[in-house]
C-alpha atoms as a PDB file:
ATOM      1  CA  UNK A   1      81.934 122.912 100.478  1.00  0.00           C
ATOM      2  CA  UNK A   2      79.969 120.159 102.221  1.00  0.00           C
ATOM      3  CA  UNK A   3      79.574 117.083 100.009  1.00  0.00           C
ATOM      4  CA  UNK A   4      75.936 116.047  99.672  1.00  0.00           C
ATOM      5  CA  UNK A   5      75.216 112.313  99.519  1.00  0.00           C
ATOM      6  CA  UNK A   6      74.281 111.061  96.092  1.00  0.00           C
ATOM      7  CA  UNK A   7      71.425 108.620  96.622  1.00  0.00           C
ATOM      8  CA  UNK A   8      71.943 105.254  94.939  1.00  0.00           C
ATOM      9  CA  UNK A   9      69.139 102.718  94.647  1.00  0.00           C
ATOM     10  CA  UNK A  10      70.787 100.063  92.456  1.00  0.00           C
ATOM     11  CA  UNK A  11      73.100  97.574  94.260  1.00  0.00           C
ATOM     12  CA  UNK A  12      74.862  97.035  90.934  1.00  0.00           C
ATOM     13  CA  UNK A  13      75.781 100.686  90.526  1.00  0.00           C
ATOM     14  CA  UNK A  14      79.504 100.674  89.563  1.00  0.00           C
ATOM     15  CA  UNK A  15      80.240 103.374  92.126  1.00  0.00           C
ATOM     16  CA  UNK A  16      79.445 100.804  94.828  1.00  0.00           C
ATOM     17  CA  UNK A  17      81.823  98.190  93.431  1.00  0.00           C
ATOM     18  CA  UNK A  18      84.507  98.665  96.147  1.00  0.00           C
ATOM     19  CA  UNK A  19      81.901  97.729  98.782  1.00  0.00           C
ATOM     20  CA  UNK A  20      80.775  94.505  97.117  1.00  0.00           C
ATOM     21  CA  UNK A  21      81.494  91.055  98.493  1.00  0.00           C
ATOM     22  CA  UNK A  22      83.314  92.549 101.474  1.00  0.00           C
ATOM     23  CA  UNK A  23      83.743  89.337 103.397  1.00  0.00           C
ATOM     24  CA  UNK A  24      85.520  87.507 100.577  1.00  0.00           C
ATOM     25  CA  UNK A  25      87.591  90.350  99.229  1.00  0.00           C
ATOM     26  CA  UNK A  26      88.810  91.614 102.579  1.00  0.00           C
ATOM     27  CA  UNK A  27      90.609  88.314 103.080  1.00  0.00           C
ATOM     28  CA  UNK A  28      92.964  88.894 100.155  1.00  0.00           C
ATOM     29  CA  UNK A  29      93.295  92.670 100.332  1.00  0.00           C
ATOM     30  CA  UNK A  30      91.441  95.179  98.233  1.00  0.00           C
ATOM     31  CA  UNK A  31      93.976  96.645  95.791  1.00  0.00           C
ATOM     32  CA  UNK A  32      95.235  99.136  98.336  1.00  0.00           C
ATOM     33  CA  UNK A  33      91.822  99.617  99.938  1.00  0.00           C
ATOM     34  CA  UNK A  34      90.209  98.600 103.197  1.00  0.00           C
ATOM     35  CA  UNK A  35      86.722  98.811 104.684  1.00  0.00           C
ATOM     36  CA  UNK A  36      85.705 100.810 107.754  1.00  0.00           C
ATOM     37  CA  UNK A  37      82.397 100.158 109.548  1.00  0.00           C
ATOM     38  CA  UNK A  38      80.597 102.317 112.086  1.00  0.00           C
ATOM     39  CA  UNK A  39      80.553 105.919 113.226  1.00  0.00           C
ATOM     40  CA  UNK A  40      83.448 105.762 115.685  1.00  0.00           C
ATOM     41  CA  UNK A  41      85.885 104.291 113.196  1.00  0.00           C
ATOM     42  CA  UNK A  42      84.728 106.611 110.412  1.00  0.00           C
ATOM     43  CA  UNK A  43      85.379 109.635 112.613  1.00  0.00           C
ATOM     44  CA  UNK A  44      88.899 108.365 113.301  1.00  0.00           C
ATOM     45  CA  UNK A  45      89.515 107.700 109.615  1.00  0.00           C
ATOM     46  CA  UNK A  46      88.541 111.296 108.835  1.00  0.00           C
ATOM     47  CA  UNK A  47      90.584 112.751 111.679  1.00  0.00           C
ATOM     48  CA  UNK A  48      94.041 114.232 111.308  1.00  0.00           C
ATOM     49  CA  UNK A  49      95.355 111.513 113.606  1.00  0.00           C
ATOM     50  CA  UNK A  50      94.895 108.922 110.872  1.00  0.00           C
ATOM     51  CA  UNK A  51      97.612 108.367 108.281  1.00  0.00           C
ATOM     52  CA  UNK A  52      94.940 107.014 105.938  1.00  0.00           C
ATOM     53  CA  UNK A  53      92.272 108.806 103.949  1.00  0.00           C
ATOM     54  CA  UNK A  54      88.785 107.855 102.818  1.00  0.00           C
ATOM     55  CA  UNK A  55      88.191 107.172  99.143  1.00  0.00           C
ATOM     56  CA  UNK A  56      84.403 107.254  99.568  1.00  0.00           C
ATOM     57  CA  UNK A  57      81.695 106.988 102.224  1.00  0.00           C
ATOM     58  CA  UNK A  58      78.430 105.053 102.059  1.00  0.00           C
ATOM     59  CA  UNK A  59      75.686 106.044 104.498  1.00  0.00           C
ATOM     60  CA  UNK A  60      72.108 105.224 105.256  1.00  0.00           C
ATOM     61  CA  UNK A  61      70.288 108.574 104.749  1.00  0.00           C
ATOM     62  CA  UNK A  62      69.394 108.946 108.430  1.00  0.00           C
ATOM     63  CA  UNK A  63      73.097 108.875 109.387  1.00  0.00           C
ATOM     64  CA  UNK A  64      74.040 111.862 107.224  1.00  0.00           C
ATOM     65  CA  UNK A  65      72.947 114.736 109.549  1.00  0.00           C
ATOM     66  CA  UNK A  66      75.109 113.504 112.426  1.00  0.00           C
ATOM     67  CA  UNK A  67      78.218 113.145 110.279  1.00  0.00           C
ATOM     68  CA  UNK A  68      77.905 115.976 107.746  1.00  0.00           C
ATOM     69  CA  UNK A  69      80.005 118.522 109.623  1.00  0.00           C
ATOM     70  CA  UNK A  70      82.809 116.067 110.355  1.00  0.00           C
ATOM     71  CA  UNK A  71      82.962 114.900 106.738  1.00  0.00           C
ATOM     72  CA  UNK A  72      83.070 118.489 105.523  1.00  0.00           C
ATOM     73  CA  UNK A  73      85.917 119.267 107.949  1.00  0.00           C
ATOM     74  CA  UNK A  74      88.113 116.451 106.618  1.00  0.00           C
ATOM     75  CA  UNK A  75      91.341 117.519 104.941  1.00  0.00           C
ATOM     76  CA  UNK A  76      90.149 115.890 101.717  1.00  0.00           C
ATOM     77  CA  UNK A  77      86.357 115.385 101.913  1.00  0.00           C
ATOM     78  CA  UNK A  78      85.571 112.232  99.914  1.00  0.00           C
ATOM     79  CA  UNK A  79      82.513 111.508  97.764  1.00  0.00           C
ATOM     80  CA  UNK A  80      79.530 110.481  99.884  1.00  0.00           C
ATOM     81  CA  UNK A  81      76.900 108.038  98.659  1.00  0.00           C
ATOM     82  CA  UNK A  82      73.546 107.397 100.310  1.00  0.00           C
ATOM     83  CA  UNK A  83      71.649 104.123 100.172  1.00  0.00           C
ATOM     84  CA  UNK A  84      69.011 102.348 102.200  1.00  0.00           C
ATOM     85  CA  UNK A  85      70.204  99.655 104.575  1.00  0.00           C
ATOM     86  CA  UNK A  86      68.530  97.102 102.289  1.00  0.00           C
ATOM     87  CA  UNK A  87      70.633  98.287  99.356  1.00  0.00           C
ATOM     88  CA  UNK A  88      73.759  98.401 101.530  1.00  0.00           C
ATOM     89  CA  UNK A  89      73.112  94.831 102.657  1.00  0.00           C
ATOM     90  CA  UNK A  90      72.597  93.684  99.080  1.00  0.00           C
ATOM     91  CA  UNK A  91      75.876  95.312  98.084  1.00  0.00           C
ATOM     92  CA  UNK A  92      78.005  93.966 100.932  1.00  0.00           C
ATOM     93  CA  UNK A  93      76.478  90.499 101.164  1.00  0.00           C
ATOM     94  CA  UNK A  94      75.480  90.637 104.835  1.00  0.00           C
ATOM     95  CA  UNK A  95      73.011  92.601 106.990  1.00  0.00           C
ATOM     96  CA  UNK A  96      74.056  96.199 107.617  1.00  0.00           C
ATOM     97  CA  UNK A  97      72.777  97.602 110.922  1.00  0.00           C
ATOM     98  CA  UNK A  98      74.879 100.697 111.618  1.00  0.00           C
ATOM     99  CA  UNK A  99      74.393 102.240 108.180  1.00  0.00           C
ATOM    100  CA  UNK A 100      77.951 103.639 108.073  1.00  0.00           C
ATOM    101  CA  UNK A 101      80.644 102.324 105.734  1.00  0.00           C
ATOM    102  CA  UNK A 102      83.712 103.815 104.095  1.00  0.00           C
ATOM    103  CA  UNK A 103      86.497 102.702 101.789  1.00  0.00           C
ATOM    104  CA  UNK A 104      89.932 103.717 103.033  1.00  0.00           C
ATOM    105  CA  UNK A 105      93.164 103.960 101.057  1.00  0.00           C
ATOM    106  CA  UNK A 106      96.291 102.384 102.508  1.00  0.00           C
ATOM    107  CA  UNK A 107      98.878 104.607 100.876  1.00  0.00           C
ATOM    108  CA  UNK A 108     102.640 104.097 101.325  1.00  0.00           C
ATOM    109  CA  UNK A 109     103.757 101.600 103.959  1.00  0.00           C
ATOM    110  CA  UNK A 110     106.285 103.022 106.462  1.00  0.00           C
ATOM    111  CA  UNK A 111     109.310 101.091 107.633  1.00  0.00           C
ATOM    112  CA  UNK A 112     109.952 100.139 111.244  1.00  0.00           C
ATOM    113  CA  UNK A 113     112.805 102.623 111.563  1.00  0.00           C
ATOM    114  CA  UNK A 114     110.467 105.423 110.485  1.00  0.00           C
ATOM    115  CA  UNK A 115     108.210 104.848 113.499  1.00  0.00           C
ATOM    116  CA  UNK A 116     110.551 104.153 116.408  1.00  0.00           C
ATOM    117  CA  UNK A 117     112.090 107.173 118.169  1.00  0.00           C
ATOM    118  CA  UNK A 118     115.895 107.113 117.804  1.00  0.00           C
ATOM    119  CA  UNK A 119     118.069 106.590 120.877  1.00  0.00           C
ATOM    120  CA  UNK A 120     118.504 107.848 123.500  1.00  0.00           C
ATOM    121  CA  UNK A 121     114.784 108.736 123.536  1.00  0.00           C
ATOM    122  CA  UNK A 122     112.494 106.272 125.347  1.00  0.00           C
ATOM    123  CA  UNK A 123     110.724 103.801 123.078  1.00  0.00           C
ATOM    124  CA  UNK A 124     107.912 101.302 123.512  1.00  0.00           C
ATOM    125  CA  UNK A 125     107.281  98.965 120.603  1.00  0.00           C
ATOM    126  CA  UNK A 126     104.921  95.971 120.365  1.00  0.00           C
ATOM    127  CA  UNK A 127     105.956  93.025 118.190  1.00  0.00           C
ATOM    128  CA  UNK A 128     103.203  90.627 117.053  1.00  0.00           C
ATOM    129  CA  UNK A 129     104.648  87.293 115.956  1.00  0.00           C
ATOM    130  CA  UNK A 130     102.361  84.912 114.096  1.00  0.00           C
ATOM    131  CA  UNK A 131      99.043  86.361 115.301  1.00  0.00           C
ATOM    132  CA  UNK A 132      96.477  85.073 112.822  1.00  0.00           C
ATOM    133  CA  UNK A 133      93.339  85.911 114.789  1.00  0.00           C
ATOM    134  CA  UNK A 134      91.800  89.252 113.767  1.00  0.00           C
ATOM    135  CA  UNK A 135      90.195  89.763 117.181  1.00  0.00           C
ATOM    136  CA  UNK A 136      93.541  89.396 118.941  1.00  0.00           C
ATOM    137  CA  UNK A 137      95.301  91.738 116.534  1.00  0.00           C
ATOM    138  CA  UNK A 138      92.550  94.343 116.879  1.00  0.00           C
ATOM    139  CA  UNK A 139      92.586  94.114 120.679  1.00  0.00           C
ATOM    140  CA  UNK A 140      96.391  94.343 120.753  1.00  0.00           C
ATOM    141  CA  UNK A 141      96.205  97.543 118.703  1.00  0.00           C
ATOM    142  CA  UNK A 142      93.621  98.955 121.074  1.00  0.00           C
ATOM    143  CA  UNK A 143      95.923  98.267 124.022  1.00  0.00           C
ATOM    144  CA  UNK A 144      98.925  99.711 122.202  1.00  0.00           C
ATOM    145  CA  UNK A 145      97.047 102.959 121.565  1.00  0.00           C
ATOM    146  CA  UNK A 146      95.680 103.087 125.114  1.00  0.00           C
ATOM    147  CA  UNK A 147      99.122 102.797 126.701  1.00  0.00           C
ATOM    148  CA  UNK A 148     100.984 105.072 124.305  1.00  0.00           C
ATOM    149  CA  UNK A 149     103.123 102.586 122.368  1.00  0.00           C
ATOM    150  CA  UNK A 150     105.234 104.259 119.708  1.00  0.00           C
ATOM    151  CA  UNK A 151     104.585 101.523 117.154  1.00  0.00           C
ATOM    152  CA  UNK A 152     103.242  98.051 116.521  1.00  0.00           C
ATOM    153  CA  UNK A 153     105.346  95.800 114.307  1.00  0.00           C
ATOM    154  CA  UNK A 154     103.956  92.633 112.721  1.00  0.00           C
ATOM    155  CA  UNK A 155     105.756  89.734 111.099  1.00  0.00           C
ATOM    156  CA  UNK A 156     104.660  88.318 107.752  1.00  0.00           C
ATOM    157  CA  UNK A 157     102.543  85.599 109.379  1.00  0.00           C
ATOM    158  CA  UNK A 158     100.382  88.002 111.380  1.00  0.00           C
ATOM    159  CA  UNK A 159      97.050  89.031 109.894  1.00  0.00           C
ATOM    160  CA  UNK A 160      96.154  92.402 108.466  1.00  0.00           C
ATOM    161  CA  UNK A 161      95.302  95.044 111.102  1.00  0.00           C
ATOM    162  CA  UNK A 162      93.247  96.821 108.420  1.00  0.00           C
ATOM    163  CA  UNK A 163      90.917  93.860 107.962  1.00  0.00           C
ATOM    164  CA  UNK A 164      87.524  95.298 108.853  1.00  0.00           C
ATOM    165  CA  UNK A 165      87.040  93.077 111.929  1.00  0.00           C
ATOM    166  CA  UNK A 166      90.467  94.028 113.272  1.00  0.00           C
ATOM    167  CA  UNK A 167      89.619  97.703 112.855  1.00  0.00           C
ATOM    168  CA  UNK A 168      86.266  97.232 114.594  1.00  0.00           C
ATOM    169  CA  UNK A 169      87.728  95.281 117.540  1.00  0.00           C
ATOM    170  CA  UNK A 170      90.508  97.853 117.872  1.00  0.00           C
ATOM    171  CA  UNK A 171      87.837 100.579 118.312  1.00  0.00           C
ATOM    172  CA  UNK A 172      89.532 102.331 115.416  1.00  0.00           C
ATOM    173  CA  UNK A 173      93.009 102.219 116.982  1.00  0.00           C
ATOM    174  CA  UNK A 174      94.356 100.436 113.891  1.00  0.00           C
ATOM    175  CA  UNK A 175      93.688 103.679 111.972  1.00  0.00           C
ATOM    176  CA  UNK A 176      95.733 105.904 114.292  1.00  0.00           C
ATOM    177  CA  UNK A 177      98.308 103.605 115.916  1.00  0.00           C
ATOM    178  CA  UNK A 178     101.543 103.633 113.860  1.00  0.00           C
ATOM    179  CA  UNK A 179     102.411 100.170 112.538  1.00  0.00           C
ATOM    180  CA  UNK A 180     104.667  98.465 110.040  1.00  0.00           C
ATOM    181  CA  UNK A 181     105.613  94.985 108.877  1.00  0.00           C
ATOM    182  CA  UNK A 182     108.869  93.377 109.933  1.00  0.00           C
ATOM    183  CA  UNK A 183     111.278  93.870 107.024  1.00  0.00           C
ATOM    184  CA  UNK A 184     111.603  90.772 104.862  1.00  0.00           C
ATOM    185  CA  UNK A 185     114.558  88.660 105.882  1.00  0.00           C
ATOM    186  CA  UNK A 186     114.964  90.345 109.281  1.00  0.00           C
ATOM    187  CA  UNK A 187     114.073  88.621 112.532  1.00  0.00           C
ATOM    188  CA  UNK A 188     112.938  90.222 115.772  1.00  0.00           C
ATOM    189  CA  UNK A 189     116.322  90.140 117.442  1.00  0.00           C
ATOM    190  CA  UNK A 190     118.221  91.718 114.555  1.00  0.00           C
ATOM    191  CA  UNK A 191     115.537  94.383 114.411  1.00  0.00           C
ATOM    192  CA  UNK A 192     115.863  95.043 118.148  1.00  0.00           C
ATOM    193  CA  UNK A 193     119.624  95.392 117.774  1.00  0.00           C
ATOM    194  CA  UNK A 194     119.282  97.720 114.786  1.00  0.00           C
ATOM    195  CA  UNK A 195     116.823  99.984 116.621  1.00  0.00           C
ATOM    196  CA  UNK A 196     118.603  99.728 119.996  1.00  0.00           C
ATOM    197  CA  UNK A 197     115.609  98.121 121.711  1.00  0.00           C
ATOM    198  CA  UNK A 198     115.716  95.588 124.534  1.00  0.00           C
ATOM    199  CA  UNK A 199     113.707  92.536 123.371  1.00  0.00           C
ATOM    200  CA  UNK A 200     111.285  91.229 125.995  1.00  0.00           C
ATOM    201  CA  UNK A 201     109.766  87.907 124.916  1.00  0.00           C
ATOM    202  CA  UNK A 202     106.585  87.008 126.777  1.00  0.00           C
ATOM    203  CA  UNK A 203     106.245  83.329 127.649  1.00  0.00           C
ATOM    204  CA  UNK A 204     104.484  81.463 130.490  1.00  0.00           C
ATOM    205  CA  UNK A 205     107.622  79.329 130.830  1.00  0.00           C
ATOM    206  CA  UNK A 206     109.932  82.259 131.632  1.00  0.00           C
ATOM    207  CA  UNK A 207     111.675  82.517 134.989  1.00  0.00           C
ATOM    208  CA  UNK A 208     111.682  86.318 135.291  1.00  0.00           C
ATOM    209  CA  UNK A 209     108.328  87.896 136.093  1.00  0.00           C
ATOM    210  CA  UNK A 210     106.845  91.163 134.907  1.00  0.00           C
ATOM    211  CA  UNK A 211     106.324  92.479 138.439  1.00  0.00           C
ATOM    212  CA  UNK A 212     110.068  92.324 139.167  1.00  0.00           C
ATOM    213  CA  UNK A 213     111.156  93.770 135.829  1.00  0.00           C
ATOM    214  CA  UNK A 214     113.539  96.718 135.819  1.00  0.00           C
ATOM    215  CA  UNK A 215     111.722  98.551 133.044  1.00  0.00           C
ATOM    216  CA  UNK A 216     114.062  99.350 130.138  1.00  0.00           C
ATOM    217  CA  UNK A 217     113.977 102.784 128.572  1.00  0.00           C
ATOM    218  CA  UNK A 218     113.718 101.268 125.099  1.00  0.00           C
ATOM    219  CA  UNK A 219     111.632  98.091 124.962  1.00  0.00           C
ATOM    220  CA  UNK A 220     110.364  95.728 122.285  1.00  0.00           C
ATOM    221  CA  UNK A 221     107.547  93.534 123.659  1.00  0.00           C
ATOM    222  CA  UNK A 222     107.370  90.401 121.520  1.00  0.00           C
ATOM    223  CA  UNK A 223     104.121  88.429 121.759  1.00  0.00           C
ATOM    224  CA  UNK A 224     103.491  85.095 120.059  1.00  0.00           C
ATOM    225  CA  UNK A 225     100.328  83.346 119.051  1.00  0.00           C
ATOM    226  CA  UNK A 226      98.307  81.476 121.668  1.00  0.00           C
ATOM    227  CA  UNK A 227      99.209  77.824 121.990  1.00  0.00           C
ATOM    228  CA  UNK A 228     102.623  77.478 120.325  1.00  0.00           C
ATOM    229  CA  UNK A 229     103.834  80.861 121.544  1.00  0.00           C
ATOM    230  CA  UNK A 230     107.199  82.223 120.474  1.00  0.00           C
ATOM    231  CA  UNK A 231     109.762  79.987 118.799  1.00  0.00           C
ATOM    232  CA  UNK A 232     112.695  78.655 120.795  1.00  0.00           C
ATOM    233  CA  UNK A 233     115.264  80.713 118.882  1.00  0.00           C
ATOM    234  CA  UNK A 234     113.516  83.988 119.712  1.00  0.00           C
ATOM    235  CA  UNK A 235     113.188  83.039 123.371  1.00  0.00           C
ATOM    236  CA  UNK A 236     116.841  81.995 123.564  1.00  0.00           C
ATOM    237  CA  UNK A 237     118.130  85.281 122.152  1.00  0.00           C
ATOM    238  CA  UNK A 238     115.842  87.651 124.032  1.00  0.00           C
ATOM    239  CA  UNK A 239     114.838  88.320 127.639  1.00  0.00           C
ATOM    240  CA  UNK A 240     111.947  85.966 128.472  1.00  0.00           C
ATOM    241  CA  UNK A 241     109.312  87.431 130.805  1.00  0.00           C
ATOM    242  CA  UNK A 242     106.152  85.943 132.244  1.00  0.00           C
ATOM    243  CA  UNK A 243     103.117  87.495 133.903  1.00  0.00           C
ATOM    244  CA  UNK A 244     102.604  86.003 137.381  1.00  0.00           C
ATOM    245  CA  UNK A 245      99.205  84.392 137.871  1.00  0.00           C
ATOM    246  CA  UNK A 246      97.250  82.411 140.425  1.00  0.00           C
ATOM    247  CA  UNK A 247      98.545  78.959 141.233  1.00  0.00           C
ATOM    248  CA  UNK A 248      97.380  76.244 138.882  1.00  0.00           C
ATOM    249  CA  UNK A 249      96.813  78.462 135.838  1.00  0.00           C
ATOM    250  CA  UNK A 250      99.276  80.037 133.432  1.00  0.00           C
ATOM    251  CA  UNK A 251      97.229  81.087 130.403  1.00  0.00           C
ATOM    252  CA  UNK A 252      96.114  84.532 129.266  1.00  0.00           C
ATOM    253  CA  UNK A 253      94.609  85.646 125.994  1.00  0.00           C
ATOM    254  CA  UNK A 254      97.462  87.222 124.047  1.00  0.00           C
ATOM    255  CA  UNK A 255      95.697  90.587 123.803  1.00  0.00           C
ATOM    256  CA  UNK A 256      95.072  90.567 127.562  1.00  0.00           C
ATOM    257  CA  UNK A 257      98.736  89.735 128.146  1.00  0.00           C
ATOM    258  CA  UNK A 258      99.667  92.624 125.871  1.00  0.00           C
ATOM    259  CA  UNK A 259      97.498  94.995 127.914  1.00  0.00           C
ATOM    260  CA  UNK A 260      99.028  93.926 131.244  1.00  0.00           C
ATOM    261  CA  UNK A 261     102.567  94.147 129.867  1.00  0.00           C
ATOM    262  CA  UNK A 262     101.999  97.471 128.123  1.00  0.00           C
ATOM    263  CA  UNK A 263     100.571  99.046 131.252  1.00  0.00           C
ATOM    264  CA  UNK A 264     103.581  97.931 133.279  1.00  0.00           C
ATOM    265  CA  UNK A 265     106.161  99.145 130.755  1.00  0.00           C
ATOM    266  CA  UNK A 266     104.306 102.391 129.986  1.00  0.00           C
ATOM    267  CA  UNK A 267     103.964 103.153 133.704  1.00  0.00           C
ATOM    268  CA  UNK A 268     107.633 102.417 134.262  1.00  0.00           C
ATOM    269  CA  UNK A 269     108.604 104.732 131.415  1.00  0.00           C
ATOM    270  CA  UNK A 270     106.379 107.513 132.746  1.00  0.00           C
ATOM    271  CA  UNK A 271     104.111 107.526 129.687  1.00  0.00           C
ATOM    272  CA  UNK A 272     100.733 107.405 131.389  1.00  0.00           C
ATOM    273  CA  UNK A 273      98.836 110.623 131.897  1.00  0.00           C
ATOM    274  CA  UNK A 274     100.727 112.497 129.194  1.00  0.00           C
ATOM    275  CA  UNK A 275      98.708 114.892 127.073  1.00  0.00           C
END
């Protein structure tokens, strides 16, 4: 049965509480919830490709006709609330233009070993070390999804890929790309050994270049934050790789570097063009 939006006119309606003060509350997590904005990301949240489910949806009335069928087709159609954009803006604390919001539920967190194909199968894993910029994390997820990475792993210092800006920048990839946190007390190199992955640490100071790389069948691409980059211990215990660039410049945005590296590894592993 197709859920029909229940129109709400009061910004203080308790049913809208999960949407309130989004900017502040997203920064510290939302008791197992996260916020999705926009039609593209909502469609991905509702799709069977997402491991997450929607707790509720909040729409401007004019957006309902274009999304009704997709909401009804969801495995577990959530409650749908309707509100004017003025009410939505009053609830969230900032201007709402798209008129499409949803609250997602995180559910159980998988472990790294649950996501990486066991040997001898090929594997392509992205490791984000200390990435605290939501734009970079979102863009890295978008690249990981585009080039068929099996998983993205994040250390404890990296920001939340389910922060609403990360989801938006990822074009919804954060909702469908498998990811997990690095297990507490385990570093990248021990993880690579446990999962039988070859650790490739990207650094502009490396001697070996990406264009000469003999692509490994099972790779862990470790990317550090811009500026400091990866720590010396990680670089010393892994295989440092750099992306060759024009003379006189050696800096790439970390998400751009991830895209270049992922394309090269994915192509070498024969991943591209698979259906």
